[in-house]
N, C-alpha and C. Protein backbone atom coordinates (compact mmCIF):
# COMPACT_ATOMS: atom_id res chain seq x y z
N MET A 1 61.84 32.60 106.73
CA MET A 1 61.10 33.71 107.29
C MET A 1 59.60 33.46 107.22
N LYS A 2 59.15 32.70 106.22
CA LYS A 2 57.73 32.42 106.13
C LYS A 2 57.27 31.58 107.32
N THR A 3 58.13 30.68 107.77
CA THR A 3 57.79 29.88 108.95
C THR A 3 57.68 30.75 110.18
N VAL A 4 58.59 31.69 110.32
CA VAL A 4 58.54 32.60 111.48
C VAL A 4 57.26 33.43 111.43
N ARG A 5 56.92 33.95 110.26
CA ARG A 5 55.69 34.74 110.13
C ARG A 5 54.46 33.88 110.38
N TYR A 6 54.52 32.61 109.93
CA TYR A 6 53.39 31.71 110.13
C TYR A 6 53.14 31.48 111.62
N PHE A 7 54.19 31.33 112.39
CA PHE A 7 54.05 31.11 113.82
C PHE A 7 54.00 32.41 114.61
N ASP A 8 53.72 33.51 113.95
CA ASP A 8 53.55 34.82 114.59
C ASP A 8 54.79 35.22 115.39
N GLY A 9 55.94 34.98 114.80
CA GLY A 9 57.20 35.32 115.46
C GLY A 9 57.60 36.75 115.18
N ARG A 10 58.62 37.18 115.88
CA ARG A 10 59.14 38.52 115.69
C ARG A 10 60.57 38.43 115.19
N THR A 11 60.91 39.36 114.34
CA THR A 11 62.30 39.46 113.93
C THR A 11 62.97 40.50 114.81
N TYR A 12 64.20 40.25 115.15
CA TYR A 12 64.93 41.13 116.06
C TYR A 12 66.12 41.74 115.36
N GLU A 13 66.36 42.99 115.65
CA GLU A 13 67.53 43.69 115.17
C GLU A 13 68.51 43.73 116.34
N TRP A 14 69.60 42.99 116.25
CA TRP A 14 70.57 42.91 117.34
C TRP A 14 71.58 44.06 117.23
N VAL A 15 71.07 45.25 117.42
CA VAL A 15 71.90 46.45 117.35
C VAL A 15 71.83 47.13 118.71
N GLY A 16 72.97 47.56 119.21
CA GLY A 16 73.02 48.22 120.51
C GLY A 16 72.33 49.57 120.48
N LEU A 17 72.12 50.13 121.65
CA LEU A 17 71.43 51.41 121.77
C LEU A 17 72.23 52.54 121.15
N SER A 18 73.55 52.48 121.28
CA SER A 18 74.38 53.56 120.74
C SER A 18 74.42 53.55 119.21
N ARG A 19 74.08 52.42 118.60
CA ARG A 19 74.13 52.33 117.13
C ARG A 19 72.77 52.57 116.48
N GLN A 20 71.78 52.95 117.27
CA GLN A 20 70.47 53.27 116.69
C GLN A 20 70.60 54.55 115.87
N PRO A 21 69.93 54.62 114.72
CA PRO A 21 70.15 55.75 113.81
C PRO A 21 69.61 57.09 114.31
N ASN A 22 68.47 57.10 115.01
CA ASN A 22 67.91 58.38 115.45
C ASN A 22 67.33 58.26 116.85
N ILE A 23 66.84 59.37 117.37
CA ILE A 23 66.36 59.41 118.75
C ILE A 23 65.07 58.60 118.92
N ILE A 24 64.23 58.56 117.90
CA ILE A 24 62.98 57.80 117.99
C ILE A 24 63.28 56.31 118.11
N SER A 25 64.26 55.83 117.37
CA SER A 25 64.65 54.42 117.47
C SER A 25 65.22 54.12 118.84
N LYS A 26 65.97 55.06 119.41
CA LYS A 26 66.54 54.86 120.75
C LYS A 26 65.44 54.81 121.81
N VAL A 27 64.45 55.68 121.67
CA VAL A 27 63.33 55.69 122.64
C VAL A 27 62.53 54.39 122.51
N LYS A 28 62.25 53.96 121.27
CA LYS A 28 61.53 52.70 121.07
C LYS A 28 62.30 51.53 121.66
N ARG A 29 63.59 51.51 121.44
CA ARG A 29 64.44 50.43 121.96
C ARG A 29 64.45 50.42 123.47
N THR A 30 64.53 51.61 124.09
CA THR A 30 64.55 51.70 125.54
C THR A 30 63.21 51.29 126.13
N LEU A 31 62.11 51.79 125.57
CA LEU A 31 60.80 51.42 126.09
C LEU A 31 60.46 49.96 125.80
N GLY A 32 61.02 49.42 124.72
CA GLY A 32 60.80 48.02 124.40
C GLY A 32 61.38 47.07 125.43
N GLN A 33 62.32 47.55 126.23
CA GLN A 33 62.91 46.71 127.28
C GLN A 33 61.88 46.39 128.37
N PHE A 34 60.86 47.25 128.51
CA PHE A 34 59.88 47.07 129.58
C PHE A 34 58.61 46.38 129.12
N THR A 35 58.57 45.95 127.88
CA THR A 35 57.42 45.22 127.38
C THR A 35 57.71 43.72 127.44
N PRO A 36 56.66 42.90 127.46
CA PRO A 36 56.90 41.45 127.49
C PRO A 36 57.51 40.94 126.18
N ALA A 37 58.13 39.78 126.27
CA ALA A 37 58.76 39.19 125.09
C ALA A 37 57.72 38.84 124.04
N GLN A 38 56.54 38.42 124.48
CA GLN A 38 55.47 38.14 123.55
C GLN A 38 54.14 38.52 124.20
N TRP A 39 53.21 38.92 123.38
CA TRP A 39 51.89 39.31 123.85
C TRP A 39 50.94 38.14 123.65
N ASP A 40 50.18 37.82 124.68
CA ASP A 40 49.18 36.77 124.56
C ASP A 40 47.90 37.37 124.00
N LYS A 41 47.26 36.62 123.13
CA LYS A 41 45.98 37.07 122.59
C LYS A 41 44.87 36.50 123.44
N ASP A 42 44.03 37.37 123.95
CA ASP A 42 42.89 36.93 124.75
C ASP A 42 41.68 36.82 123.84
N GLU A 43 41.23 35.61 123.62
CA GLU A 43 40.06 35.36 122.79
C GLU A 43 38.91 35.01 123.72
N TRP A 44 37.81 35.74 123.61
CA TRP A 44 36.69 35.53 124.53
C TRP A 44 35.64 34.60 123.94
N TYR A 45 35.42 34.61 122.66
CA TYR A 45 34.43 33.78 121.98
C TYR A 45 33.07 33.80 122.70
N PRO A 46 32.39 34.94 122.77
CA PRO A 46 31.12 34.99 123.49
C PRO A 46 30.01 34.18 122.82
N LEU A 47 30.13 33.89 121.54
CA LEU A 47 29.09 33.14 120.84
C LEU A 47 29.45 31.66 120.69
N LEU A 48 30.35 31.18 121.53
CA LEU A 48 30.74 29.77 121.50
C LEU A 48 29.60 28.87 121.96
N GLY A 49 28.80 29.34 122.85
CA GLY A 49 27.66 28.59 123.37
C GLY A 49 26.90 29.44 124.37
N PRO A 50 25.74 28.97 124.81
CA PRO A 50 24.94 29.76 125.75
C PRO A 50 25.66 30.01 127.08
N TRP A 51 26.35 28.99 127.58
CA TRP A 51 27.02 29.15 128.87
C TRP A 51 28.15 30.17 128.76
N ARG A 52 28.91 30.14 127.68
CA ARG A 52 29.99 31.11 127.48
C ARG A 52 29.41 32.52 127.32
N PHE A 53 28.27 32.62 126.64
CA PHE A 53 27.61 33.92 126.48
C PHE A 53 27.24 34.49 127.85
N ILE A 54 26.71 33.66 128.72
CA ILE A 54 26.34 34.11 130.07
C ILE A 54 27.59 34.51 130.85
N GLN A 55 28.67 33.76 130.71
CA GLN A 55 29.91 34.10 131.42
C GLN A 55 30.47 35.44 130.98
N VAL A 56 30.51 35.68 129.68
CA VAL A 56 31.03 36.96 129.18
C VAL A 56 30.07 38.09 129.51
N LEU A 57 28.77 37.84 129.42
CA LEU A 57 27.78 38.86 129.77
C LEU A 57 27.87 39.23 131.25
N SER A 58 28.11 38.24 132.11
CA SER A 58 28.23 38.55 133.54
C SER A 58 29.47 39.40 133.82
N LEU A 59 30.55 39.17 133.08
CA LEU A 59 31.73 40.03 133.22
C LEU A 59 31.40 41.46 132.82
N CYS A 60 30.66 41.62 131.73
CA CYS A 60 30.27 42.97 131.28
C CYS A 60 29.35 43.64 132.29
N ILE A 61 28.46 42.88 132.90
CA ILE A 61 27.54 43.45 133.90
C ILE A 61 28.32 43.91 135.13
N VAL A 62 29.30 43.13 135.56
CA VAL A 62 30.12 43.55 136.71
C VAL A 62 30.90 44.81 136.36
N PHE A 63 31.45 44.89 135.15
CA PHE A 63 32.15 46.11 134.73
C PHE A 63 31.24 47.32 134.75
N MET A 64 30.03 47.16 134.23
CA MET A 64 29.10 48.28 134.22
C MET A 64 28.70 48.68 135.64
N ALA A 65 28.57 47.70 136.53
CA ALA A 65 28.24 48.01 137.93
C ALA A 65 29.37 48.79 138.59
N VAL A 66 30.61 48.43 138.30
CA VAL A 66 31.76 49.17 138.86
C VAL A 66 31.75 50.60 138.36
N GLU A 67 31.51 50.79 137.07
CA GLU A 67 31.47 52.15 136.51
C GLU A 67 30.31 52.95 137.08
N LEU A 68 29.16 52.32 137.24
CA LEU A 68 28.00 53.01 137.79
C LEU A 68 28.20 53.33 139.27
N ASN A 69 28.90 52.45 139.98
CA ASN A 69 29.19 52.70 141.40
C ASN A 69 30.01 53.97 141.58
N THR A 70 30.86 54.30 140.62
CA THR A 70 31.66 55.53 140.71
C THR A 70 30.74 56.73 140.86
N PHE A 71 29.74 56.83 140.03
CA PHE A 71 28.86 57.98 140.05
C PHE A 71 27.92 57.94 141.26
N PHE A 72 27.42 56.76 141.60
CA PHE A 72 26.53 56.68 142.75
C PHE A 72 27.28 56.98 144.05
N LEU A 73 28.51 56.49 144.19
CA LEU A 73 29.28 56.78 145.39
C LEU A 73 29.56 58.27 145.50
N LYS A 74 29.88 58.89 144.38
CA LYS A 74 30.11 60.34 144.38
C LYS A 74 28.86 61.09 144.83
N PHE A 75 27.71 60.66 144.35
CA PHE A 75 26.47 61.35 144.66
C PHE A 75 25.99 61.05 146.08
N CYS A 76 26.02 59.78 146.46
CA CYS A 76 25.48 59.38 147.77
C CYS A 76 26.35 59.85 148.93
N LEU A 77 27.66 59.88 148.74
CA LEU A 77 28.57 60.28 149.82
C LEU A 77 28.97 61.75 149.73
N TRP A 78 28.38 62.49 148.80
CA TRP A 78 28.61 63.92 148.61
C TRP A 78 30.09 64.23 148.43
N ILE A 79 30.71 63.53 147.53
CA ILE A 79 32.12 63.76 147.23
C ILE A 79 32.20 64.73 146.06
N PRO A 80 32.96 65.83 146.20
CA PRO A 80 33.06 66.77 145.08
C PRO A 80 33.78 66.13 143.89
N PRO A 81 33.48 66.61 142.68
CA PRO A 81 34.05 65.98 141.47
C PRO A 81 35.57 66.02 141.40
N ARG A 82 36.21 67.04 141.95
CA ARG A 82 37.67 67.17 141.84
C ARG A 82 38.42 66.51 143.00
N ASN A 83 37.74 65.74 143.81
CA ASN A 83 38.38 65.09 144.95
C ASN A 83 39.36 64.02 144.46
N PRO A 84 40.59 64.00 145.00
CA PRO A 84 41.55 62.98 144.55
C PRO A 84 41.16 61.55 144.94
N LEU A 85 40.24 61.41 145.87
CA LEU A 85 39.78 60.08 146.27
C LEU A 85 39.17 59.32 145.08
N ILE A 86 38.51 60.04 144.20
CA ILE A 86 37.91 59.42 143.02
C ILE A 86 38.99 58.88 142.10
N VAL A 87 40.04 59.67 141.91
CA VAL A 87 41.15 59.23 141.05
C VAL A 87 41.85 58.03 141.68
N TYR A 88 42.05 58.05 143.00
CA TYR A 88 42.69 56.92 143.68
C TYR A 88 41.86 55.65 143.52
N ARG A 89 40.54 55.78 143.62
CA ARG A 89 39.67 54.62 143.46
C ARG A 89 39.77 54.06 142.04
N LEU A 90 39.77 54.95 141.05
CA LEU A 90 39.87 54.49 139.67
C LEU A 90 41.22 53.83 139.38
N VAL A 91 42.29 54.38 139.94
CA VAL A 91 43.62 53.76 139.76
C VAL A 91 43.65 52.40 140.45
N LEU A 92 43.05 52.31 141.64
CA LEU A 92 42.99 51.02 142.34
C LEU A 92 42.22 50.00 141.51
N TRP A 93 41.09 50.41 140.95
CA TRP A 93 40.31 49.50 140.11
C TRP A 93 41.09 49.10 138.87
N TRP A 94 41.83 50.04 138.31
CA TRP A 94 42.63 49.73 137.13
C TRP A 94 43.68 48.67 137.47
N LEU A 95 44.34 48.83 138.63
CA LEU A 95 45.37 47.88 139.03
C LEU A 95 44.78 46.51 139.37
N ILE A 96 43.57 46.49 139.92
CA ILE A 96 42.93 45.22 140.25
C ILE A 96 42.37 44.55 139.00
N ALA A 97 41.89 45.36 138.05
CA ALA A 97 41.22 44.80 136.87
C ALA A 97 42.17 44.05 135.95
N ILE A 98 43.42 44.45 135.90
CA ILE A 98 44.36 43.80 134.98
C ILE A 98 44.53 42.31 135.32
N PRO A 99 44.90 41.95 136.56
CA PRO A 99 45.00 40.50 136.85
C PRO A 99 43.64 39.81 136.91
N THR A 100 42.59 40.57 137.23
CA THR A 100 41.26 39.97 137.29
C THR A 100 40.83 39.47 135.92
N ILE A 101 41.01 40.31 134.91
CA ILE A 101 40.63 39.91 133.55
C ILE A 101 41.46 38.73 133.08
N ARG A 102 42.73 38.75 133.43
CA ARG A 102 43.61 37.63 133.03
C ARG A 102 43.16 36.33 133.69
N GLU A 103 42.85 36.40 135.00
CA GLU A 103 42.40 35.20 135.70
C GLU A 103 41.07 34.69 135.15
N TYR A 104 40.16 35.62 134.88
CA TYR A 104 38.85 35.20 134.38
C TYR A 104 38.97 34.60 132.98
N ASN A 105 39.80 35.19 132.14
CA ASN A 105 40.00 34.63 130.80
C ASN A 105 40.66 33.26 130.89
N THR A 106 41.61 33.09 131.79
CA THR A 106 42.24 31.78 131.98
C THR A 106 41.21 30.77 132.46
N TYR A 107 40.32 31.21 133.35
CA TYR A 107 39.25 30.34 133.83
C TYR A 107 38.33 29.90 132.69
N LEU A 108 38.01 30.84 131.80
CA LEU A 108 37.13 30.50 130.68
C LEU A 108 37.82 29.59 129.66
N GLN A 109 39.11 29.80 129.43
CA GLN A 109 39.83 29.03 128.41
C GLN A 109 40.27 27.66 128.90
N ASP A 110 40.32 27.46 130.21
CA ASP A 110 40.84 26.22 130.78
C ASP A 110 39.89 25.06 130.48
N ARG A 111 40.44 23.94 130.09
CA ARG A 111 39.63 22.77 129.73
C ARG A 111 39.61 21.70 130.83
N LYS A 112 40.14 22.02 132.00
CA LYS A 112 40.15 21.03 133.09
C LYS A 112 38.71 20.81 133.58
N PRO A 113 38.42 19.60 134.09
CA PRO A 113 37.06 19.36 134.60
C PRO A 113 36.77 20.14 135.88
N PHE A 114 37.77 20.29 136.75
CA PHE A 114 37.60 21.06 137.98
C PHE A 114 38.52 22.26 137.90
N LYS A 115 37.92 23.42 137.80
CA LYS A 115 38.73 24.63 137.70
C LYS A 115 38.18 25.67 138.66
N LYS A 116 39.06 26.58 139.05
CA LYS A 116 38.69 27.60 140.03
C LYS A 116 38.97 28.98 139.46
N VAL A 117 38.17 29.94 139.93
CA VAL A 117 38.42 31.33 139.60
C VAL A 117 39.49 31.82 140.57
N GLY A 118 40.37 32.70 140.11
CA GLY A 118 41.47 33.19 140.93
C GLY A 118 41.02 34.14 142.03
N SER A 119 41.95 34.46 142.90
CA SER A 119 41.65 35.31 144.05
C SER A 119 41.34 36.75 143.65
N PHE A 120 41.94 37.24 142.58
CA PHE A 120 41.64 38.61 142.15
C PHE A 120 40.21 38.73 141.65
N CYS A 121 39.68 37.68 141.03
CA CYS A 121 38.28 37.71 140.59
C CYS A 121 37.35 37.81 141.79
N TRP A 122 37.63 37.02 142.82
CA TRP A 122 36.79 37.08 144.02
C TRP A 122 36.94 38.41 144.73
N LEU A 123 38.16 38.94 144.77
CA LEU A 123 38.38 40.24 145.41
C LEU A 123 37.64 41.35 144.66
N SER A 124 37.70 41.35 143.35
CA SER A 124 37.01 42.36 142.55
C SER A 124 35.50 42.27 142.73
N LEU A 125 34.98 41.06 142.73
CA LEU A 125 33.55 40.88 142.92
C LEU A 125 33.12 41.34 144.31
N ALA A 126 33.93 41.03 145.33
CA ALA A 126 33.60 41.45 146.69
C ALA A 126 33.63 42.97 146.82
N ILE A 127 34.62 43.63 146.24
CA ILE A 127 34.69 45.09 146.30
C ILE A 127 33.50 45.71 145.58
N CYS A 128 33.13 45.15 144.44
CA CYS A 128 31.98 45.66 143.69
C CYS A 128 30.69 45.52 144.50
N ILE A 129 30.52 44.39 145.16
CA ILE A 129 29.31 44.17 145.96
C ILE A 129 29.29 45.11 147.17
N VAL A 130 30.44 45.29 147.83
CA VAL A 130 30.50 46.21 148.98
C VAL A 130 30.19 47.64 148.53
N GLU A 131 30.73 48.06 147.41
CA GLU A 131 30.42 49.39 146.89
C GLU A 131 28.94 49.53 146.58
N LEU A 132 28.36 48.49 146.01
CA LEU A 132 26.93 48.52 145.70
C LEU A 132 26.09 48.61 146.98
N LEU A 133 26.49 47.86 148.01
CA LEU A 133 25.77 47.92 149.28
C LEU A 133 25.91 49.28 149.95
N ILE A 134 27.08 49.91 149.83
CA ILE A 134 27.26 51.27 150.36
C ILE A 134 26.34 52.24 149.62
N CYS A 135 26.25 52.10 148.31
CA CYS A 135 25.35 52.96 147.53
C CYS A 135 23.90 52.76 147.95
N ILE A 136 23.50 51.52 148.20
CA ILE A 136 22.12 51.25 148.61
C ILE A 136 21.86 51.83 150.00
N LYS A 137 22.82 51.63 150.92
CA LYS A 137 22.62 52.10 152.29
C LYS A 137 22.55 53.62 152.37
N PHE A 138 23.52 54.30 151.80
CA PHE A 138 23.58 55.75 151.92
C PHE A 138 22.74 56.47 150.87
N GLY A 139 22.26 55.76 149.88
CA GLY A 139 21.42 56.37 148.86
C GLY A 139 19.94 56.29 149.17
N HIS A 140 19.61 55.65 150.30
CA HIS A 140 18.20 55.50 150.69
C HIS A 140 17.60 56.88 150.96
N GLY A 141 16.58 57.24 150.21
CA GLY A 141 15.91 58.52 150.39
C GLY A 141 16.47 59.64 149.53
N LEU A 142 17.58 59.43 148.85
CA LEU A 142 18.15 60.47 147.99
C LEU A 142 17.43 60.56 146.65
N PHE A 143 16.73 59.52 146.29
CA PHE A 143 16.01 59.50 145.02
C PHE A 143 14.52 59.41 145.32
N PRO A 144 13.85 60.56 145.49
CA PRO A 144 12.44 60.52 145.89
C PRO A 144 11.51 59.96 144.81
N LYS A 145 11.84 60.19 143.54
CA LYS A 145 11.01 59.65 142.47
C LYS A 145 11.44 58.22 142.19
N SER A 146 10.47 57.34 142.12
CA SER A 146 10.80 55.96 141.81
C SER A 146 11.03 55.82 140.30
N MET A 147 11.54 54.68 139.92
CA MET A 147 11.81 54.42 138.51
C MET A 147 10.49 54.38 137.74
N PRO A 148 10.44 54.98 136.56
CA PRO A 148 9.19 54.96 135.78
C PRO A 148 8.78 53.54 135.43
N SER A 149 7.49 53.32 135.38
CA SER A 149 6.98 51.96 135.13
C SER A 149 7.33 51.49 133.72
N TRP A 150 7.40 52.39 132.74
CA TRP A 150 7.74 51.97 131.38
C TRP A 150 9.17 51.45 131.32
N LEU A 151 10.06 52.01 132.16
CA LEU A 151 11.44 51.55 132.18
C LEU A 151 11.54 50.16 132.80
N ILE A 152 10.77 49.94 133.85
CA ILE A 152 10.73 48.61 134.47
C ILE A 152 10.17 47.59 133.47
N THR A 153 9.13 47.98 132.75
CA THR A 153 8.54 47.09 131.74
C THR A 153 9.54 46.78 130.63
N PHE A 154 10.26 47.81 130.19
CA PHE A 154 11.24 47.62 129.12
C PHE A 154 12.33 46.63 129.54
N TRP A 155 12.92 46.82 130.72
CA TRP A 155 14.01 45.94 131.15
C TRP A 155 13.51 44.54 131.49
N THR A 156 12.28 44.43 131.94
CA THR A 156 11.69 43.11 132.16
C THR A 156 11.52 42.38 130.83
N ALA A 157 11.07 43.12 129.81
CA ALA A 157 10.91 42.51 128.48
C ALA A 157 12.26 42.11 127.89
N VAL A 158 13.28 42.96 128.05
CA VAL A 158 14.62 42.63 127.55
C VAL A 158 15.15 41.38 128.25
N SER A 159 14.98 41.31 129.57
CA SER A 159 15.44 40.14 130.33
C SER A 159 14.70 38.88 129.89
N PHE A 160 13.39 39.01 129.70
CA PHE A 160 12.59 37.87 129.26
C PHE A 160 13.03 37.39 127.88
N LEU A 161 13.25 38.32 126.95
CA LEU A 161 13.70 37.95 125.61
C LEU A 161 15.09 37.31 125.64
N LEU A 162 15.96 37.79 126.52
CA LEU A 162 17.29 37.19 126.65
C LEU A 162 17.19 35.76 127.15
N VAL A 163 16.33 35.51 128.13
CA VAL A 163 16.16 34.15 128.65
C VAL A 163 15.57 33.25 127.56
N ILE A 164 14.59 33.74 126.82
CA ILE A 164 14.00 32.95 125.73
C ILE A 164 15.06 32.63 124.67
N PHE A 165 15.86 33.65 124.31
CA PHE A 165 16.93 33.45 123.33
C PHE A 165 17.91 32.37 123.80
N LEU A 166 18.31 32.43 125.06
CA LEU A 166 19.26 31.44 125.58
C LEU A 166 18.64 30.05 125.64
N LEU A 167 17.36 29.97 125.98
CA LEU A 167 16.69 28.66 126.01
C LEU A 167 16.58 28.05 124.61
N VAL A 168 16.24 28.86 123.62
CA VAL A 168 16.15 28.37 122.24
C VAL A 168 17.53 27.94 121.75
N TRP A 169 18.53 28.72 122.06
CA TRP A 169 19.90 28.40 121.66
C TRP A 169 20.34 27.07 122.28
N THR A 170 20.07 26.90 123.57
CA THR A 170 20.42 25.67 124.26
C THR A 170 19.67 24.48 123.66
N TYR A 171 18.39 24.68 123.35
CA TYR A 171 17.60 23.60 122.76
C TYR A 171 18.15 23.19 121.39
N LYS A 172 18.56 24.16 120.58
CA LYS A 172 19.12 23.84 119.26
C LYS A 172 20.41 23.05 119.40
N ILE A 173 21.24 23.42 120.34
CA ILE A 173 22.49 22.67 120.56
C ILE A 173 22.17 21.26 121.05
N TYR A 174 21.20 21.15 121.96
CA TYR A 174 20.80 19.84 122.48
C TYR A 174 20.26 18.96 121.36
N ARG A 175 19.46 19.54 120.47
CA ARG A 175 18.88 18.78 119.36
C ARG A 175 19.94 18.30 118.39
N THR A 176 20.95 19.12 118.13
CA THR A 176 22.03 18.68 117.23
C THR A 176 22.89 17.61 117.89
N MET A 177 23.02 17.65 119.20
CA MET A 177 23.81 16.62 119.89
C MET A 177 23.06 15.29 119.91
N ILE A 178 21.74 15.32 119.96
CA ILE A 178 20.95 14.09 119.95
C ILE A 178 21.07 13.40 118.59
N ARG A 179 21.12 14.16 117.50
CA ARG A 179 21.23 13.59 116.16
C ARG A 179 22.56 12.88 115.95
N ILE A 180 23.57 13.34 116.62
CA ILE A 180 24.91 12.74 116.45
C ILE A 180 24.98 11.49 117.23
């Protein structure tokens, strides 16, 4: 049993549904039929290196853009909050996001020299960009006040510090590789 636990295995109770002791065990057994035999662990390792950090950060930025597009589309297209179209859009994004994340994680974990991002990643990115363009087109003139200058300065400074951080990180890795 220690070997099974070491290899993250599962122990199985080979008991039929009718021999389960209580209703909770029967429900667990029935719902367990619809789960996968094993769960894969998705490890992102954002601090593996500067390039991996940029890849994971870009995924987070696309996620935030999708979430922000929800509110901008609602505002720019004058959609009431209780409209079922919003729920349909969120369900569609949920269904698209599941294989997208899997494909992107596979892309990041793959060690092949030539690798490609899957079609769901490209589809998700295209939908996000189209939504963003719709927000820009129909949102023109809806925001009469421009962004405050202190906010522009703040985000410019954050972006500048992020670039400096990534350059220093890359230089340190390069310097350690030269010593070897």
